[in-house]
Amino acid sequence: MAMRKLRVYTGPDHESTSRSMVQETSRADTVRVTLGDVLPLLADAVASDRTWLSDFADDDLTISSDLFDVLQAYRHFRRPSA
C-alpha cells in the first residue's frame, strides 16, 4: 500500500509577475461582504453610539453607482422642510 503525503494548501503561488506588490497588499487588506450583512451591524453601532465608529470615519468605501444615486436622492428628499 502506497503512503499518501498530505500537504497544507496556503493559496496560489506568487510566481505571477503580472501583479504588483501594491495590488497584492491592498487585496489582502480587503474583504468583500454584502450590504445586507454589514448594514444591521452598523445601524446597531450607530444607535448604540459606539466609539469605535469614529476610528473608521475617514475610511473609503466602494459602492455601486446605482446605490450611490439612491443615497444621493434619499439625502436630497429627507431634508427637513422649512
PDB file of N, CA and C in Angstrom:
ATOM      1  N   MET A   1       0.850  -1.177   0.000  1.00  0.00           N
ATOM      2  CA  MET A   1       0.000   0.000   0.000  1.00  0.00           C
ATOM      3  C   MET A   1       0.897   1.242   0.000  1.00  0.00           C
ATOM      4  N   ALA A   2       0.622   2.173  -0.894  1.00  0.00           N
ATOM      5  CA  ALA A   2       1.430   3.385  -1.019  1.00  0.00           C
ATOM      6  C   ALA A   2       1.050   4.376   0.079  1.00  0.00           C
ATOM      7  N   MET A   3       2.048   5.040   0.607  1.00  0.00           N
ATOM      8  CA  MET A   3       1.818   6.073   1.634  1.00  0.00           C
ATOM      9  C   MET A   3       1.357   7.360   0.949  1.00  0.00           C
ATOM     10  N   ARG A   4       0.323   7.945   1.462  1.00  0.00           N
ATOM     11  CA  ARG A   4      -0.153   9.211   0.919  1.00  0.00           C
ATOM     12  C   ARG A   4       0.517  10.356   1.659  1.00  0.00           C
ATOM     13  N   LYS A   5       0.928  11.341   0.911  1.00  0.00           N
ATOM     14  CA  LYS A   5       1.528  12.528   1.511  1.00  0.00           C
ATOM     15  C   LYS A   5       0.504  13.640   1.525  1.00  0.00           C
ATOM     16  N   LEU A   6       0.307  14.229   2.661  1.00  0.00           N
ATOM     17  CA  LEU A   6      -0.610  15.355   2.794  1.00  0.00           C
ATOM     18  C   LEU A   6       0.190  16.646   2.787  1.00  0.00           C
ATOM     19  N   ARG A   7      -0.331  17.628   2.076  1.00  0.00           N
ATOM     20  CA  ARG A   7       0.299  18.946   2.046  1.00  0.00           C
ATOM     21  C   ARG A   7      -0.714  19.981   2.503  1.00  0.00           C
ATOM     22  N   VAL A   8      -0.235  21.024   3.122  1.00  0.00           N
ATOM     23  CA  VAL A   8      -1.093  22.127   3.548  1.00  0.00           C
ATOM     24  C   VAL A   8      -1.156  23.127   2.407  1.00  0.00           C
ATOM     25  N   TYR A   9      -2.370  23.436   1.950  1.00  0.00           N
ATOM     26  CA  TYR A   9      -2.556  24.409   0.878  1.00  0.00           C
ATOM     27  C   TYR A   9      -2.557  25.800   1.480  1.00  0.00           C
ATOM     28  N   THR A  10      -1.667  26.643   1.010  1.00  0.00           N
ATOM     29  CA  THR A  10      -1.555  28.002   1.541  1.00  0.00           C
ATOM     30  C   THR A  10      -1.960  29.056   0.530  1.00  0.00           C
ATOM     31  N   GLY A  11      -2.577  28.646  -0.549  1.00  0.00           N
ATOM     32  CA  GLY A  11      -3.014  29.602  -1.561  1.00  0.00           C
ATOM     33  C   GLY A  11      -2.186  29.464  -2.820  1.00  0.00           C
ATOM     34  N   PRO A  12      -2.486  30.286  -3.817  1.00  0.00           N
ATOM     35  CA  PRO A  12      -1.755  30.192  -5.075  1.00  0.00           C
ATOM     36  C   PRO A  12      -0.307  30.641  -4.919  1.00  0.00           C
ATOM     37  N   ASP A  13       0.540  30.088  -5.761  1.00  0.00           N
ATOM     38  CA  ASP A  13       1.934  30.510  -5.758  1.00  0.00           C
ATOM     39  C   ASP A  13       2.017  31.954  -6.223  1.00  0.00           C
ATOM     40  N   HIS A  14       2.936  32.705  -5.663  1.00  0.00           N
ATOM     41  CA  HIS A  14       3.095  34.116  -6.019  1.00  0.00           C
ATOM     42  C   HIS A  14       4.189  34.288  -7.061  1.00  0.00           C
ATOM     43  N   GLU A  15       4.221  33.397  -8.050  1.00  0.00           N
ATOM     44  CA  GLU A  15       5.215  33.493  -9.105  1.00  0.00           C
ATOM     45  C   GLU A  15       4.768  34.404 -10.229  1.00  0.00           C
ATOM     46  N   SER A  16       3.505  34.775 -10.253  1.00  0.00           N
ATOM     47  CA  SER A  16       2.982  35.618 -11.324  1.00  0.00           C
ATOM     48  C   SER A  16       3.586  37.010 -11.227  1.00  0.00           C
ATOM     49  N   THR A  17       4.096  37.504 -12.347  1.00  0.00           N
ATOM     50  CA  THR A  17       4.693  38.843 -12.368  1.00  0.00           C
ATOM     51  C   THR A  17       3.714  39.878 -12.892  1.00  0.00           C
ATOM     52  N   SER A  18       2.480  39.473 -13.215  1.00  0.00           N
ATOM     53  CA  SER A  18       1.515  40.414 -13.770  1.00  0.00           C
ATOM     54  C   SER A  18       0.932  41.345 -12.713  1.00  0.00           C
ATOM     55  N   ARG A  19       1.034  40.992 -11.461  1.00  0.00           N
ATOM     56  CA  ARG A  19       0.533  41.840 -10.380  1.00  0.00           C
ATOM     57  C   ARG A  19       1.684  42.518  -9.671  1.00  0.00           C
ATOM     58  N   SER A  20       1.433  43.726  -9.235  1.00  0.00           N
ATOM     59  CA  SER A  20       2.453  44.413  -8.449  1.00  0.00           C
ATOM     60  C   SER A  20       2.253  44.077  -6.977  1.00  0.00           C
ATOM     61  N   MET A  21       3.241  44.344  -6.184  1.00  0.00           N
ATOM     62  CA  MET A  21       3.143  44.091  -4.745  1.00  0.00           C
ATOM     63  C   MET A  21       2.078  44.976  -4.109  1.00  0.00           C
ATOM     64  N   VAL A  22       1.871  46.168  -4.656  1.00  0.00           N
ATOM     65  CA  VAL A  22       0.855  47.067  -4.109  1.00  0.00           C
ATOM     66  C   VAL A  22      -0.523  46.442  -4.259  1.00  0.00           C
ATOM     67  N   GLN A  23      -0.813  45.870  -5.409  1.00  0.00           N
ATOM     68  CA  GLN A  23      -2.108  45.233  -5.624  1.00  0.00           C
ATOM     69  C   GLN A  23      -2.296  44.064  -4.686  1.00  0.00           C
ATOM     70  N   GLU A  24      -1.271  43.245  -4.502  1.00  0.00           N
ATOM     71  CA  GLU A  24      -1.386  42.085  -3.624  1.00  0.00           C
ATOM     72  C   GLU A  24      -1.578  42.514  -2.177  1.00  0.00           C
ATOM     73  N   THR A  25      -0.882  43.548  -1.750  1.00  0.00           N
ATOM     74  CA  THR A  25      -1.004  44.020  -0.377  1.00  0.00           C
ATOM     75  C   THR A  25      -2.396  44.596  -0.131  1.00  0.00           C
ATOM     76  N   SER A  26      -2.873  45.434  -1.034  1.00  0.00           N
ATOM     77  CA  SER A  26      -4.183  46.038  -0.815  1.00  0.00           C
ATOM     78  C   SER A  26      -5.279  44.984  -0.895  1.00  0.00           C
ATOM     79  N   ARG A  27      -5.098  43.992  -1.715  1.00  0.00           N
ATOM     80  CA  ARG A  27      -6.104  42.938  -1.829  1.00  0.00           C
ATOM     81  C   ARG A  27      -6.187  42.138  -0.532  1.00  0.00           C
ATOM     82  N   ALA A  28      -5.071  41.931   0.128  1.00  0.00           N
ATOM     83  CA  ALA A  28      -5.059  41.175   1.373  1.00  0.00           C
ATOM     84  C   ALA A  28      -5.740  41.950   2.503  1.00  0.00           C
ATOM     85  N   ASP A  29      -5.816  43.269   2.378  1.00  0.00           N
ATOM     86  CA  ASP A  29      -6.410  44.103   3.418  1.00  0.00           C
ATOM     87  C   ASP A  29      -7.893  44.358   3.201  1.00  0.00           C
ATOM     88  N   THR A  30      -8.502  43.735   2.205  1.00  0.00           N
ATOM     89  CA  THR A  30      -9.913  43.973   1.931  1.00  0.00           C
ATOM     90  C   THR A  30     -10.701  42.678   2.004  1.00  0.00           C
ATOM     91  N   VAL A  31     -11.976  42.827   2.266  1.00  0.00           N
ATOM     92  CA  VAL A  31     -12.903  41.696   2.331  1.00  0.00           C
ATOM     93  C   VAL A  31     -14.180  42.123   1.621  1.00  0.00           C
ATOM     94  N   ARG A  32     -14.733  41.264   0.782  1.00  0.00           N
ATOM     95  CA  ARG A  32     -15.995  41.560   0.103  1.00  0.00           C
ATOM     96  C   ARG A  32     -17.144  40.983   0.924  1.00  0.00           C
ATOM     97  N   VAL A  33     -18.090  41.854   1.271  1.00  0.00           N
ATOM     98  CA  VAL A  33     -19.286  41.438   2.002  1.00  0.00           C
ATOM     99  C   VAL A  33     -20.491  42.112   1.377  1.00  0.00           C
ATOM    100  N   THR A  34     -21.661  41.591   1.659  1.00  0.00           N
ATOM    101  CA  THR A  34     -22.868  42.232   1.154  1.00  0.00           C
ATOM    102  C   THR A  34     -23.305  43.333   2.117  1.00  0.00           C
ATOM    103  N   LEU A  35     -24.011  44.284   1.565  1.00  0.00           N
ATOM    104  CA  LEU A  35     -24.540  45.365   2.391  1.00  0.00           C
ATOM    105  C   LEU A  35     -25.502  44.809   3.428  1.00  0.00           C
ATOM    106  N   GLY A  36     -26.226  43.753   3.048  1.00  0.00           N
ATOM    107  CA  GLY A  36     -27.166  43.123   3.972  1.00  0.00           C
ATOM    108  C   GLY A  36     -26.499  42.523   5.194  1.00  0.00           C
ATOM    109  N   ASP A  37     -25.242  42.103   5.052  1.00  0.00           N
ATOM    110  CA  ASP A  37     -24.506  41.570   6.196  1.00  0.00           C
ATOM    111  C   ASP A  37     -23.996  42.679   7.110  1.00  0.00           C
ATOM    112  N   VAL A  38     -23.594  43.791   6.515  1.00  0.00           N
ATOM    113  CA  VAL A  38     -22.944  44.858   7.277  1.00  0.00           C
ATOM    114  C   VAL A  38     -23.936  45.865   7.851  1.00  0.00           C
ATOM    115  N   LEU A  39     -24.980  46.161   7.099  1.00  0.00           N
ATOM    116  CA  LEU A  39     -25.896  47.230   7.488  1.00  0.00           C
ATOM    117  C   LEU A  39     -26.528  47.064   8.867  1.00  0.00           C
ATOM    118  N   PRO A  40     -27.053  45.896   9.221  1.00  0.00           N
ATOM    119  CA  PRO A  40     -27.635  45.771  10.566  1.00  0.00           C
ATOM    120  C   PRO A  40     -26.617  46.014  11.681  1.00  0.00           C
ATOM    121  N   LEU A  41     -25.395  45.579  11.458  1.00  0.00           N
ATOM    122  CA  LEU A  41     -24.359  45.789  12.476  1.00  0.00           C
ATOM    123  C   LEU A  41     -24.000  47.260  12.603  1.00  0.00           C
ATOM    124  N   LEU A  42     -23.858  47.937  11.465  1.00  0.00           N
ATOM    125  CA  LEU A  42     -23.548  49.366  11.514  1.00  0.00           C
ATOM    126  C   LEU A  42     -24.702  50.169  12.103  1.00  0.00           C
ATOM    127  N   ALA A  43     -25.932  49.811  11.747  1.00  0.00           N
ATOM    128  CA  ALA A  43     -27.096  50.519  12.293  1.00  0.00           C
ATOM    129  C   ALA A  43     -27.147  50.375  13.812  1.00  0.00           C
ATOM    130  N   ASP A  44     -26.872  49.175  14.311  1.00  0.00           N
ATOM    131  CA  ASP A  44     -26.861  48.958  15.757  1.00  0.00           C
ATOM    132  C   ASP A  44     -25.733  49.738  16.416  1.00  0.00           C
ATOM    133  N   ALA A  45     -24.569  49.766  15.762  1.00  0.00           N
ATOM    134  CA  ALA A  45     -23.428  50.503  16.327  1.00  0.00           C
ATOM    135  C   ALA A  45     -23.718  51.997  16.380  1.00  0.00           C
ATOM    136  N   VAL A  46     -24.373  52.534  15.341  1.00  0.00           N
ATOM    137  CA  VAL A  46     -24.732  53.952  15.343  1.00  0.00           C
ATOM    138  C   VAL A  46     -25.773  54.228  16.422  1.00  0.00           C
ATOM    139  N   ALA A  47     -26.792  53.378  16.513  1.00  0.00           N
ATOM    140  CA  ALA A  47     -27.840  53.565  17.522  1.00  0.00           C
ATOM    141  C   ALA A  47     -27.281  53.461  18.933  1.00  0.00           C
ATOM    142  N   SER A  48     -26.265  52.621  19.113  1.00  0.00           N
ATOM    143  CA  SER A  48     -25.650  52.438  20.427  1.00  0.00           C
ATOM    144  C   SER A  48     -24.523  53.433  20.683  1.00  0.00           C
ATOM    145  N   ASP A  49     -24.268  54.303  19.713  1.00  0.00           N
ATOM    146  CA  ASP A  49     -23.222  55.328  19.819  1.00  0.00           C
ATOM    147  C   ASP A  49     -21.864  54.726  20.185  1.00  0.00           C
ATOM    148  N   ARG A  50     -21.467  53.702  19.440  1.00  0.00           N
ATOM    149  CA  ARG A  50     -20.187  53.030  19.685  1.00  0.00           C
ATOM    150  C   ARG A  50     -19.028  53.927  19.285  1.00  0.00           C
ATOM    151  N   THR A  51     -18.067  54.069  20.143  1.00  0.00           N
ATOM    152  CA  THR A  51     -16.947  54.966  19.888  1.00  0.00           C
ATOM    153  C   THR A  51     -16.024  54.455  18.789  1.00  0.00           C
ATOM    154  N   TRP A  52     -15.981  53.151  18.545  1.00  0.00           N
ATOM    155  CA  TRP A  52     -15.071  52.625  17.528  1.00  0.00           C
ATOM    156  C   TRP A  52     -15.468  53.052  16.123  1.00  0.00           C
ATOM    157  N   LEU A  53     -16.702  53.527  15.934  1.00  0.00           N
ATOM    158  CA  LEU A  53     -17.117  54.014  14.624  1.00  0.00           C
ATOM    159  C   LEU A  53     -16.252  55.186  14.163  1.00  0.00           C
ATOM    160  N   SER A  54     -15.846  56.021  15.095  1.00  0.00           N
ATOM    161  CA  SER A  54     -15.022  57.183  14.723  1.00  0.00           C
ATOM    162  C   SER A  54     -13.653  56.763  14.186  1.00  0.00           C
ATOM    163  N   ASP A  55     -13.181  55.566  14.548  1.00  0.00           N
ATOM    164  CA  ASP A  55     -11.903  55.075  14.020  1.00  0.00           C
ATOM    165  C   ASP A  55     -11.956  54.865  12.510  1.00  0.00           C
ATOM    166  N   PHE A  56     -13.142  54.640  11.969  1.00  0.00           N
ATOM    167  CA  PHE A  56     -13.300  54.325  10.558  1.00  0.00           C
ATOM    168  C   PHE A  56     -14.007  55.432   9.779  1.00  0.00           C
ATOM    169  N   ALA A  57     -14.214  56.577  10.414  1.00  0.00           N
ATOM    170  CA  ALA A  57     -14.978  57.659   9.793  1.00  0.00           C
ATOM    171  C   ALA A  57     -14.342  58.168   8.503  1.00  0.00           C
ATOM    172  N   ASP A  58     -13.040  58.111   8.377  1.00  0.00           N
ATOM    173  CA  ASP A  58     -12.353  58.614   7.184  1.00  0.00           C
ATOM    174  C   ASP A  58     -12.000  57.526   6.184  1.00  0.00           C
ATOM    175  N   ASP A  59     -12.420  56.286   6.438  1.00  0.00           N
ATOM    176  CA  ASP A  59     -12.136  55.192   5.505  1.00  0.00           C
ATOM    177  C   ASP A  59     -12.992  55.322   4.248  1.00  0.00           C
ATOM    178  N   ASP A  60     -12.414  54.939   3.121  1.00  0.00           N
ATOM    179  CA  ASP A  60     -13.149  54.954   1.853  1.00  0.00           C
ATOM    180  C   ASP A  60     -13.956  53.677   1.696  1.00  0.00           C
ATOM    181  N   LEU A  61     -15.130  53.809   1.104  1.00  0.00           N
ATOM    182  CA  LEU A  61     -15.974  52.670   0.763  1.00  0.00           C
ATOM    183  C   LEU A  61     -16.184  52.650  -0.743  1.00  0.00           C
ATOM    184  N   THR A  62     -16.254  51.485  -1.304  1.00  0.00           N
ATOM    185  CA  THR A  62     -16.584  51.346  -2.714  1.00  0.00           C
ATOM    186  C   THR A  62     -17.997  50.785  -2.796  1.00  0.00           C
ATOM    187  N   ILE A  63     -18.882  51.558  -3.434  1.00  0.00           N
ATOM    188  CA  ILE A  63     -20.264  51.133  -3.596  1.00  0.00           C
ATOM    189  C   ILE A  63     -20.632  51.226  -5.067  1.00  0.00           C
ATOM    190  N   SER A  64     -21.691  50.568  -5.439  1.00  0.00           N
ATOM    191  CA  SER A  64     -22.124  50.618  -6.829  1.00  0.00           C
ATOM    192  C   SER A  64     -22.699  52.000  -7.137  1.00  0.00           C
ATOM    193  N   SER A  65     -22.665  52.365  -8.406  1.00  0.00           N
ATOM    194  CA  SER A  65     -23.144  53.692  -8.796  1.00  0.00           C
ATOM    195  C   SER A  65     -24.651  53.831  -8.587  1.00  0.00           C
ATOM    196  N   ASP A  66     -25.397  52.740  -8.749  1.00  0.00           N
ATOM    197  CA  ASP A  66     -26.839  52.845  -8.535  1.00  0.00           C
ATOM    198  C   ASP A  66     -27.177  53.042  -7.059  1.00  0.00           C
ATOM    199  N   LEU A  67     -26.427  52.416  -6.163  1.00  0.00           N
ATOM    200  CA  LEU A  67     -26.635  52.663  -4.732  1.00  0.00           C
ATOM    201  C   LEU A  67     -26.268  54.096  -4.392  1.00  0.00           C
ATOM    202  N   PHE A  68     -25.201  54.607  -4.978  1.00  0.00           N
ATOM    203  CA  PHE A  68     -24.808  55.993  -4.745  1.00  0.00           C
ATOM    204  C   PHE A  68     -25.918  56.944  -5.190  1.00  0.00           C
ATOM    205  N   ASP A  69     -26.514  56.691  -6.360  1.00  0.00           N
ATOM    206  CA  ASP A  69     -27.601  57.540  -6.853  1.00  0.00           C
ATOM    207  C   ASP A  69     -28.800  57.512  -5.904  1.00  0.00           C
ATOM    208  N   VAL A  70     -29.136  56.341  -5.417  1.00  0.00           N
ATOM    209  CA  VAL A  70     -30.252  56.216  -4.483  1.00  0.00           C
ATOM    210  C   VAL A  70     -29.954  56.959  -3.186  1.00  0.00           C
ATOM    211  N   LEU A  71     -28.743  56.844  -2.678  1.00  0.00           N
ATOM    212  CA  LEU A  71     -28.368  57.547  -1.448  1.00  0.00           C
ATOM    213  C   LEU A  71     -28.391  59.057  -1.634  1.00  0.00           C
ATOM    214  N   GLN A  72     -27.944  59.524  -2.798  1.00  0.00           N
ATOM    215  CA  GLN A  72     -27.983  60.964  -3.072  1.00  0.00           C
ATOM    216  C   GLN A  72     -29.427  61.460  -3.119  1.00  0.00           C
ATOM    217  N   ALA A  73     -30.301  60.717  -3.766  1.00  0.00           N
ATOM    218  CA  ALA A  73     -31.712  61.102  -3.824  1.00  0.00           C
ATOM    219  C   ALA A  73     -32.330  61.079  -2.428  1.00  0.00           C
ATOM    220  N   TYR A  74     -31.995  60.067  -1.647  1.00  0.00           N
ATOM    221  CA  TYR A  74     -32.515  59.985  -0.282  1.00  0.00           C
ATOM    222  C   TYR A  74     -32.046  61.181   0.545  1.00  0.00           C
ATOM    223  N   ARG A  75     -30.788  61.533   0.409  1.00  0.00           N
ATOM    224  CA  ARG A  75     -30.242  62.687   1.139  1.00  0.00           C
ATOM    225  C   ARG A  75     -31.000  63.961   0.755  1.00  0.00           C
ATOM    226  N   HIS A  76     -31.276  64.126  -0.531  1.00  0.00           N
ATOM    227  CA  HIS A  76     -31.966  65.318  -1.008  1.00  0.00           C
ATOM    228  C   HIS A  76     -33.398  65.405  -0.470  1.00  0.00           C
ATOM    229  N   PHE A  77     -34.124  64.307  -0.513  1.00  0.00           N
ATOM    230  CA  PHE A  77     -35.534  64.328  -0.147  1.00  0.00           C
ATOM    231  C   PHE A  77     -35.795  64.198   1.354  1.00  0.00           C
ATOM    232  N   ARG A  78     -34.813  63.861   2.139  1.00  0.00           N
ATOM    233  CA  ARG A  78     -35.048  63.751   3.578  1.00  0.00           C
ATOM    234  C   ARG A  78     -34.742  65.040   4.314  1.00  0.00           C
ATOM    235  N   ARG A  79     -34.357  66.079   3.577  1.00  0.00           N
ATOM    236  CA  ARG A  79     -34.094  67.365   4.202  1.00  0.00           C
ATOM    237  C   ARG A  79     -35.354  67.846   4.920  1.00  0.00           C
ATOM    238  N   PRO A  80     -35.189  68.351   6.113  1.00  0.00           N
ATOM    239  CA  PRO A  80     -36.369  68.840   6.825  1.00  0.00           C
ATOM    240  C   PRO A  80     -36.974  70.046   6.107  1.00  0.00           C
ATOM    241  N   SER A  81     -38.277  70.069   6.030  1.00  0.00           N
ATOM    242  CA  SER A  81     -38.946  71.193   5.367  1.00  0.00           C
ATOM    243  C   SER A  81     -38.919  72.401   6.284  1.00  0.00           C
ATOM    244  N   ALA A  82     -38.884  73.576   5.660  1.00  0.00           N
ATOM    245  CA  ALA A  82     -38.804  74.835   6.420  1.00  0.00           C
ATOM    246  C   ALA A  82     -40.137  75.242   6.966  1.00  0.00           C
TER     247      ALA A  82
END
